[in-house]
Amino acid sequence: MLHLIFSLPGLYVIGRFLWPLPWLPAAKVAAMVLVLLASQYHLFARLSSGSPFSPEMPRALVMAFNWGFGALLLLTVFQLFADVATLVVMAVQRHRVGIPVGVRYVLGVAALGLSAFGVSQALRVPPVKDVEIAIPALPASFEGYRLLQLTDLHISRLFEEPWARAVVDASNRLGVDLIVVTGDLIDGSVENRLHDVAPLGDLLAPDGVYVIPGNHEYFFGYQAWMDHFVSLGMKPLANAHAVLERGGDRLVLAGVTDFSAPRAGLPGPDLGLALAGAPAGVPVVLLDHQPRMARAAAAKGVALQLSGHTHGGMISGLHLLLARFNEGFVSGLYSVGGMSLYVNNGTALWPGFAVRLGQESELTRITLVRKR
């Protein structure tokens, strides 16, 4: 069904963009074949690895598919707008008009160029984004406490070992007190990603490196991955918490599993279980891969929730649509019932659609301050 759905933009571009062009038949056929190939990227990913979430193809080919698939989707949108504009003009002028060939060429070049730029933005090592968040009743010893949130690294054939090494090196230079990784670290099995994830073992922070699962961990052998993260020195928080101590003061760091866990026959997110036995009257920082349950977390007295999953919407405009599927939360800092929610744009992207336009990736350094 997924592959049929992705065929529709390709067929639309063939019928409304390519067919009217004044090209030789052979050139049109060649272009149509390329469009259909781009539309079936996820089918080729499935054939290469058994999963559309982990294309086990050479990196250059994965990049080319992302460029072509991104250009196809952008051109579909551009052509749709052009068709609507043409219908409006026809209604006003009351006679048939067509889209000039020059306009079609501009749309095609714009789609190809924007997609190439979007892929380059997705593949870069993210810049540092500094965020200050005020926490009610933050203990004095945690004033100015700094933590780094990494999320949605999607280490894969697209984001390989050199990229992961560069992210780790950049992270370690930030001098934070704590590192948290809020899910979707990988795309692929432990066997396929063993070399690529190795740099994560070098992440360093005085109060440690904590990790929770995202939905993609459940696609590729949840327990094997969680065990491997432990072997890399990470501390998992799967419906559990840890108590951070500094100068006699305490801060609770809790984490929950992902909504996709029950489909894998595993426990879903349980905030009550995660906070069981936590000291009373101590601010809670919650790690939850998806932001959709933020209101429930606020009702439980959580002070700060850190999430990812949305990738910030990836493309400006598209983020408004994705917000509708995440209870209105898609990118940045929100106030939710007295709780602060930060939805991270992500460190990387799923290799099935790695295009960023206007919604930048980030290494997110968060400084906690006491709310006045």
Protein backbone atom coordinates (compact mmCIF):
# COMPACT_ATOMS: atom_id res chain seq x y z
CA MET A 1 0.00 0.00 0.00
CA LEU A 2 2.87 2.40 0.88
CA HIS A 3 4.47 1.85 -2.51
CA LEU A 4 1.16 2.43 -4.30
CA ILE A 5 0.65 5.69 -2.42
CA PHE A 6 4.12 6.90 -3.36
CA SER A 7 3.37 6.05 -7.00
CA LEU A 8 0.67 8.71 -7.12
CA PRO A 9 3.01 11.77 -7.07
CA GLY A 10 5.08 10.12 -9.79
CA LEU A 11 2.04 9.54 -11.99
CA TYR A 12 0.84 13.10 -11.37
CA VAL A 13 4.21 14.56 -12.38
CA ILE A 14 4.30 12.36 -15.49
CA GLY A 15 0.81 13.37 -16.56
CA ARG A 16 0.82 17.05 -15.65
CA PHE A 17 4.48 18.07 -15.91
CA LEU A 18 6.40 15.78 -18.27
CA TRP A 19 3.79 14.83 -20.86
CA PRO A 20 3.04 18.42 -22.02
CA LEU A 21 6.74 19.23 -22.51
CA PRO A 22 7.87 19.62 -26.17
CA TRP A 23 10.48 16.84 -25.92
CA LEU A 24 11.28 13.92 -28.20
CA PRO A 25 9.41 10.76 -27.18
CA ALA A 26 12.64 9.00 -26.18
CA ALA A 27 13.56 11.85 -23.81
CA LYS A 28 10.10 11.80 -22.26
CA VAL A 29 10.23 8.05 -21.72
CA ALA A 30 13.67 8.31 -20.08
CA ALA A 31 12.44 11.07 -17.77
CA MET A 32 9.32 9.07 -16.90
CA VAL A 33 11.43 6.05 -15.96
CA LEU A 34 13.55 8.21 -13.64
CA VAL A 35 10.42 9.64 -12.01
CA LEU A 36 8.99 6.17 -11.42
CA LEU A 37 12.31 4.95 -9.99
CA ALA A 38 12.42 7.89 -7.58
CA SER A 39 8.82 7.24 -6.51
CA GLN A 40 9.70 3.65 -5.57
CA TYR A 41 12.70 4.48 -3.35
CA HIS A 42 11.12 2.77 -0.34
CA LEU A 43 10.42 -0.38 -2.36
CA PHE A 44 14.10 -0.56 -3.29
CA ALA A 45 14.99 0.02 0.37
CA ARG A 46 12.77 -2.91 1.35
CA LEU A 47 14.34 -5.12 -1.33
CA SER A 48 17.85 -4.19 -0.14
CA SER A 49 17.28 -4.91 3.54
CA GLY A 50 13.79 -6.25 4.15
CA SER A 51 12.71 -2.92 5.64
CA PRO A 52 11.87 0.49 4.12
CA PHE A 53 13.40 2.03 7.27
CA SER A 54 16.94 0.82 6.62
CA PRO A 55 18.13 1.01 3.01
CA GLU A 56 21.27 -1.15 2.91
CA MET A 57 22.64 0.42 -0.26
CA PRO A 58 25.83 2.42 -0.90
CA ARG A 59 25.63 5.84 0.73
CA ALA A 60 25.90 7.67 -2.59
CA LEU A 61 22.88 5.75 -3.88
CA VAL A 62 20.87 6.52 -0.73
CA MET A 63 21.73 10.21 -1.16
CA ALA A 64 20.70 10.10 -4.84
CA PHE A 65 17.38 8.45 -3.98
CA ASN A 66 16.68 11.06 -1.30
CA TRP A 67 17.46 13.82 -3.78
CA GLY A 68 15.22 12.31 -6.44
CA PHE A 69 12.39 11.46 -4.05
CA GLY A 70 12.54 14.92 -2.47
CA ALA A 71 12.54 16.60 -5.87
CA LEU A 72 9.54 14.49 -6.93
CA LEU A 73 7.50 15.54 -3.88
CA LEU A 74 8.46 19.20 -4.27
CA LEU A 75 7.63 19.16 -7.98
CA THR A 76 4.27 17.55 -7.20
CA VAL A 77 3.45 20.46 -4.88
CA PHE A 78 4.73 23.06 -7.36
CA GLN A 79 2.74 21.53 -10.23
CA LEU A 80 -0.37 21.35 -8.08
CA PHE A 81 -0.11 25.06 -7.28
CA ALA A 82 0.47 25.83 -10.96
CA ASP A 83 -2.59 23.82 -11.94
CA VAL A 84 -4.75 25.56 -9.35
CA ALA A 85 -3.48 28.96 -10.48
CA THR A 86 -4.26 28.03 -14.09
CA LEU A 87 -7.81 27.05 -13.17
CA VAL A 88 -8.29 30.38 -11.40
CA VAL A 89 -7.03 32.30 -14.45
CA MET A 90 -9.31 30.28 -16.73
CA ALA A 91 -12.29 31.03 -14.48
CA VAL A 92 -11.54 34.76 -14.53
CA GLN A 93 -10.73 35.06 -18.25
CA ARG A 94 -13.33 32.47 -19.32
CA HIS A 95 -11.15 30.79 -21.90
CA ARG A 96 -8.64 27.96 -21.90
CA VAL A 97 -5.01 28.80 -20.98
CA GLY A 98 -1.95 26.61 -20.57
CA ILE A 99 1.16 26.67 -18.44
CA PRO A 100 4.07 28.13 -20.45
CA VAL A 101 6.96 25.78 -21.10
CA GLY A 102 9.33 28.25 -19.46
CA VAL A 103 7.32 28.10 -16.24
CA ARG A 104 7.53 24.30 -16.28
CA TYR A 105 11.31 24.45 -16.61
CA VAL A 106 11.54 26.89 -13.71
CA LEU A 107 9.44 24.57 -11.54
CA GLY A 108 11.58 21.57 -12.45
CA VAL A 109 14.88 23.31 -11.79
CA ALA A 110 13.56 24.74 -8.51
CA ALA A 111 12.47 21.29 -7.30
CA LEU A 112 15.82 19.70 -8.18
CA GLY A 113 17.81 22.55 -6.64
CA LEU A 114 15.79 22.82 -3.44
CA SER A 115 15.90 19.06 -2.94
CA ALA A 116 19.69 19.02 -3.35
CA PHE A 117 20.02 21.84 -0.83
CA GLY A 118 17.59 20.11 1.53
CA VAL A 119 19.60 16.87 1.44
CA SER A 120 22.82 18.78 2.15
CA GLN A 121 21.15 20.44 5.15
CA ALA A 122 19.97 17.08 6.44
CA LEU A 123 23.44 15.50 6.16
CA ARG A 124 25.43 18.16 7.98
CA VAL A 125 26.66 17.91 11.54
CA PRO A 126 24.10 20.10 13.33
CA PRO A 127 24.98 23.49 14.78
CA VAL A 128 24.66 24.08 18.52
CA LYS A 129 21.36 25.52 19.67
CA ASP A 130 21.34 27.03 23.15
CA VAL A 131 18.05 26.96 25.04
CA GLU A 132 17.41 28.30 28.54
CA ILE A 133 14.50 26.71 30.40
CA ALA A 134 13.10 27.96 33.72
CA ILE A 135 12.13 25.25 36.22
CA PRO A 136 9.90 26.00 39.25
CA ALA A 137 11.61 25.22 42.57
CA LEU A 138 14.85 24.21 40.86
CA PRO A 139 17.33 23.42 43.65
CA ALA A 140 20.08 26.01 44.04
CA SER A 141 22.84 23.53 43.20
CA PHE A 142 21.24 22.89 39.79
CA GLU A 143 21.04 26.57 38.83
CA GLY A 144 22.86 26.82 35.49
CA TYR A 145 22.91 23.03 35.06
CA ARG A 146 23.61 22.18 31.42
CA LEU A 147 22.46 19.13 29.54
CA LEU A 148 22.79 18.13 25.91
CA GLN A 149 19.82 16.57 24.16
CA LEU A 150 20.54 14.40 21.14
CA THR A 151 17.63 12.74 19.39
CA ASP A 152 16.69 11.04 16.13
CA LEU A 153 20.25 10.32 15.06
CA HIS A 154 19.01 7.56 12.72
CA ILE A 155 22.51 6.14 12.31
CA SER A 156 22.30 4.23 9.04
CA ARG A 157 23.94 3.89 5.64
CA LEU A 158 23.19 7.60 5.22
CA PHE A 159 24.53 8.68 8.62
CA GLU A 160 27.58 6.46 8.93
CA GLU A 161 30.53 6.24 11.31
CA PRO A 162 32.32 9.45 10.15
CA TRP A 163 29.14 11.47 10.73
CA ALA A 164 28.54 9.84 14.12
CA ARG A 165 32.16 10.51 15.10
CA ALA A 166 31.84 14.19 14.15
CA VAL A 167 28.62 14.50 16.21
CA VAL A 168 30.26 12.89 19.23
CA ASP A 169 33.32 15.11 18.98
CA ALA A 170 31.15 18.23 18.69
CA SER A 171 29.04 17.07 21.65
CA ASN A 172 32.01 16.45 23.90
CA ARG A 173 33.33 19.96 23.22
CA LEU A 174 30.20 21.55 24.68
CA GLY A 175 31.17 20.92 28.31
CA VAL A 176 27.70 19.87 29.51
CA ASP A 177 26.90 18.17 32.82
CA LEU A 178 24.64 15.50 31.34
CA ILE A 179 23.84 13.98 27.95
CA VAL A 180 20.41 12.54 27.13
CA VAL A 181 19.48 10.73 23.91
CA THR A 182 15.73 10.67 23.37
CA GLY A 183 15.25 7.79 20.95
CA ASP A 184 15.56 6.75 17.30
CA LEU A 185 19.31 6.37 17.52
CA ILE A 186 19.50 3.83 14.69
CA ASP A 187 18.07 2.40 11.51
CA GLY A 188 19.23 -1.16 11.01
CA SER A 189 20.21 -4.23 12.99
CA VAL A 190 23.02 -4.32 15.53
CA GLU A 191 25.00 -6.45 13.09
CA ASN A 192 24.64 -3.91 10.26
CA ARG A 193 25.23 -0.83 12.41
CA LEU A 194 27.93 -2.13 14.78
CA HIS A 195 30.72 -0.02 13.27
CA ASP A 196 28.58 3.05 12.65
CA VAL A 197 27.29 3.38 16.25
CA ALA A 198 30.69 2.72 17.87
CA PRO A 199 31.49 6.45 18.32
CA LEU A 200 28.51 6.80 20.70
CA GLY A 201 30.60 4.92 23.25
CA ASP A 202 32.85 7.98 23.48
CA LEU A 203 30.13 10.41 24.57
CA LEU A 204 31.25 11.93 27.88
CA ALA A 205 29.53 13.96 30.58
CA PRO A 206 30.15 14.12 34.36
CA ASP A 207 26.64 12.90 35.22
CA GLY A 208 26.58 10.30 32.47
CA VAL A 209 24.78 9.51 29.22
CA TYR A 210 21.14 8.38 29.45
CA VAL A 211 19.07 6.89 26.65
CA ILE A 212 15.44 6.00 25.97
CA PRO A 213 14.04 4.07 22.99
CA GLY A 214 12.21 5.66 20.10
CA ASN A 215 9.87 3.88 17.73
CA HIS A 216 12.70 2.82 15.41
CA GLU A 217 14.46 0.79 18.09
CA TYR A 218 11.43 -1.51 18.06
CA PHE A 219 11.77 -2.10 14.31
CA PHE A 220 15.24 -3.65 14.60
CA GLY A 221 15.41 -5.79 17.73
CA TYR A 222 14.65 -3.69 20.78
CA GLN A 223 16.40 -5.77 23.42
CA ALA A 224 19.51 -6.31 21.32
CA TRP A 225 19.82 -2.56 20.82
CA MET A 226 19.19 -1.64 24.43
CA ASP A 227 21.82 -4.18 25.52
CA HIS A 228 24.23 -2.72 22.99
CA PHE A 229 23.62 0.83 24.22
CA VAL A 230 24.52 -0.39 27.73
CA SER A 231 27.74 -1.87 26.34
CA LEU A 232 28.54 1.59 24.93
CA GLY A 233 28.29 3.11 28.41
CA MET A 234 24.77 4.51 28.12
CA LYS A 235 22.22 4.16 30.91
CA PRO A 236 18.73 3.20 29.69
CA LEU A 237 15.60 4.65 31.26
CA ALA A 238 12.74 2.46 30.06
CA ASN A 239 9.85 3.35 32.40
CA ALA A 240 12.43 4.09 35.06
CA HIS A 241 14.17 7.02 36.71
CA ALA A 242 17.50 8.09 38.13
CA VAL A 243 18.22 10.64 40.86
CA LEU A 244 20.90 13.18 40.07
CA GLU A 245 22.65 14.69 43.08
CA ARG A 246 24.67 17.85 43.37
CA GLY A 247 25.67 19.77 46.49
CA GLY A 248 23.12 17.91 48.59
CA ASP A 249 20.30 18.78 46.15
CA ARG A 250 18.48 16.35 43.89
CA LEU A 251 16.88 16.26 40.45
CA VAL A 252 14.86 13.34 39.06
CA LEU A 253 15.56 12.20 35.51
CA ALA A 254 12.85 9.84 34.23
CA GLY A 255 12.33 8.08 30.93
CA VAL A 256 9.54 6.10 29.28
CA THR A 257 9.29 3.64 26.42
CA ASP A 258 7.68 4.46 23.08
CA PHE A 259 4.06 4.17 21.92
CA SER A 260 5.12 1.58 19.34
CA ALA A 261 6.28 -0.85 22.05
CA PRO A 262 2.96 -2.73 22.46
CA ARG A 263 2.96 -3.58 18.74
CA ALA A 264 6.24 -5.39 19.41
CA GLY A 265 4.73 -7.17 22.42
CA LEU A 266 6.63 -4.98 24.89
CA PRO A 267 5.54 -2.56 27.64
CA GLY A 268 4.33 0.82 26.45
CA PRO A 269 5.11 4.15 28.12
CA ASP A 270 4.17 4.15 31.81
CA LEU A 271 4.96 7.40 33.59
CA GLY A 272 3.56 6.11 36.88
CA LEU A 273 5.99 3.20 36.81
CA ALA A 274 8.83 5.48 35.73
CA LEU A 275 8.27 7.72 38.77
CA ALA A 276 7.59 4.93 41.28
CA GLY A 277 9.84 5.47 44.28
CA ALA A 278 11.07 8.88 43.12
CA PRO A 279 11.65 11.35 45.96
CA ALA A 280 8.72 13.68 46.58
CA GLY A 281 9.04 17.41 46.05
CA VAL A 282 11.97 17.05 43.62
CA PRO A 283 11.65 18.50 40.08
CA VAL A 284 11.28 15.87 37.36
CA VAL A 285 12.87 16.01 33.90
CA LEU A 286 11.11 13.48 31.67
CA LEU A 287 12.53 11.90 28.51
CA ASP A 288 9.71 10.83 26.16
CA HIS A 289 10.50 10.26 22.48
CA GLN A 290 7.08 11.44 21.28
CA PRO A 291 5.58 14.72 22.55
CA ARG A 292 1.91 13.72 22.26
CA MET A 293 1.42 12.85 25.96
CA ALA A 294 2.84 16.12 27.28
CA ARG A 295 -0.44 17.17 28.89
CA ALA A 296 -0.61 13.91 30.85
CA ALA A 297 2.97 14.43 32.00
CA ALA A 298 2.16 17.96 33.12
CA ALA A 299 -0.80 16.63 35.11
CA LYS A 300 1.63 14.27 36.89
CA GLY A 301 3.74 17.22 38.02
CA VAL A 302 6.63 16.85 35.58
CA ALA A 303 8.65 20.08 35.37
CA LEU A 304 10.29 19.55 31.96
CA GLN A 305 9.69 17.07 29.15
CA LEU A 306 12.25 16.53 26.39
CA SER A 307 11.01 14.93 23.18
CA GLY A 308 11.93 14.45 19.54
CA HIS A 309 10.27 12.24 16.89
CA THR A 310 8.81 15.03 14.72
CA HIS A 311 12.14 16.11 13.18
CA GLY A 312 10.74 19.62 13.50
CA GLY A 313 8.53 18.91 10.51
CA MET A 314 11.60 18.82 8.19
CA ILE A 315 10.17 21.37 5.75
CA SER A 316 8.56 24.69 6.60
CA GLY A 317 4.85 24.35 5.94
CA LEU A 318 4.94 20.58 6.35
CA HIS A 319 5.59 21.16 10.06
CA LEU A 320 2.06 22.55 10.41
CA LEU A 321 0.64 19.26 9.14
CA LEU A 322 2.86 17.13 11.39
CA ALA A 323 1.82 19.19 14.41
CA ARG A 324 -1.74 17.92 13.91
CA PHE A 325 -0.52 14.35 14.45
CA ASN A 326 1.41 15.26 17.61
CA GLU A 327 -1.21 17.11 19.65
CA GLY A 328 0.02 20.43 18.25
CA PHE A 329 3.65 19.94 19.32
CA VAL A 330 6.24 19.84 16.55
CA SER A 331 9.24 22.11 17.19
CA GLY A 332 10.70 24.21 19.99
CA LEU A 333 9.65 25.21 23.48
CA TYR A 334 6.04 25.02 24.71
CA SER A 335 4.35 25.75 28.02
CA VAL A 336 1.93 22.92 28.82
CA GLY A 337 -0.10 23.19 32.01
CA GLY A 338 2.77 24.69 33.97
CA MET A 339 5.29 22.24 32.49
CA SER A 340 7.93 23.14 29.90
CA LEU A 341 8.03 20.90 26.81
CA TYR A 342 10.95 21.04 24.42
CA VAL A 343 10.47 19.28 21.08
CA ASN A 344 13.85 18.86 19.44
CA ASN A 345 14.15 19.15 15.64
CA GLY A 346 16.51 16.19 15.72
CA THR A 347 20.19 15.52 15.21
CA ALA A 348 19.57 13.76 11.88
CA LEU A 349 16.66 12.28 9.89
CA TRP A 350 15.17 8.98 8.83
CA PRO A 351 17.09 7.97 5.66
CA GLY A 352 13.76 7.38 3.89
CA PHE A 353 13.18 11.12 3.57
CA ALA A 354 16.28 13.10 4.48
CA VAL A 355 15.41 16.62 3.33
CA ARG A 356 15.45 19.75 5.50
CA LEU A 357 14.19 23.12 4.32
CA GLY A 358 13.72 25.76 7.00
CA GLN A 359 13.57 23.33 9.95
CA GLU A 360 17.21 22.93 10.99
CA SER A 361 18.79 20.02 12.82
CA GLU A 362 20.38 20.84 16.18
CA LEU A 363 22.75 19.89 18.95
CA THR A 364 20.63 21.19 21.79
CA ARG A 365 22.42 22.52 24.86
CA ILE A 366 19.82 23.23 27.54
CA THR A 367 20.58 25.36 30.56
CA LEU A 368 18.30 25.01 33.56
CA VAL A 369 17.51 28.10 35.64
CA ARG A 370 15.16 28.64 38.55
CA LYS A 371 11.83 30.13 37.58
CA ARG A 372 11.46 33.51 39.27
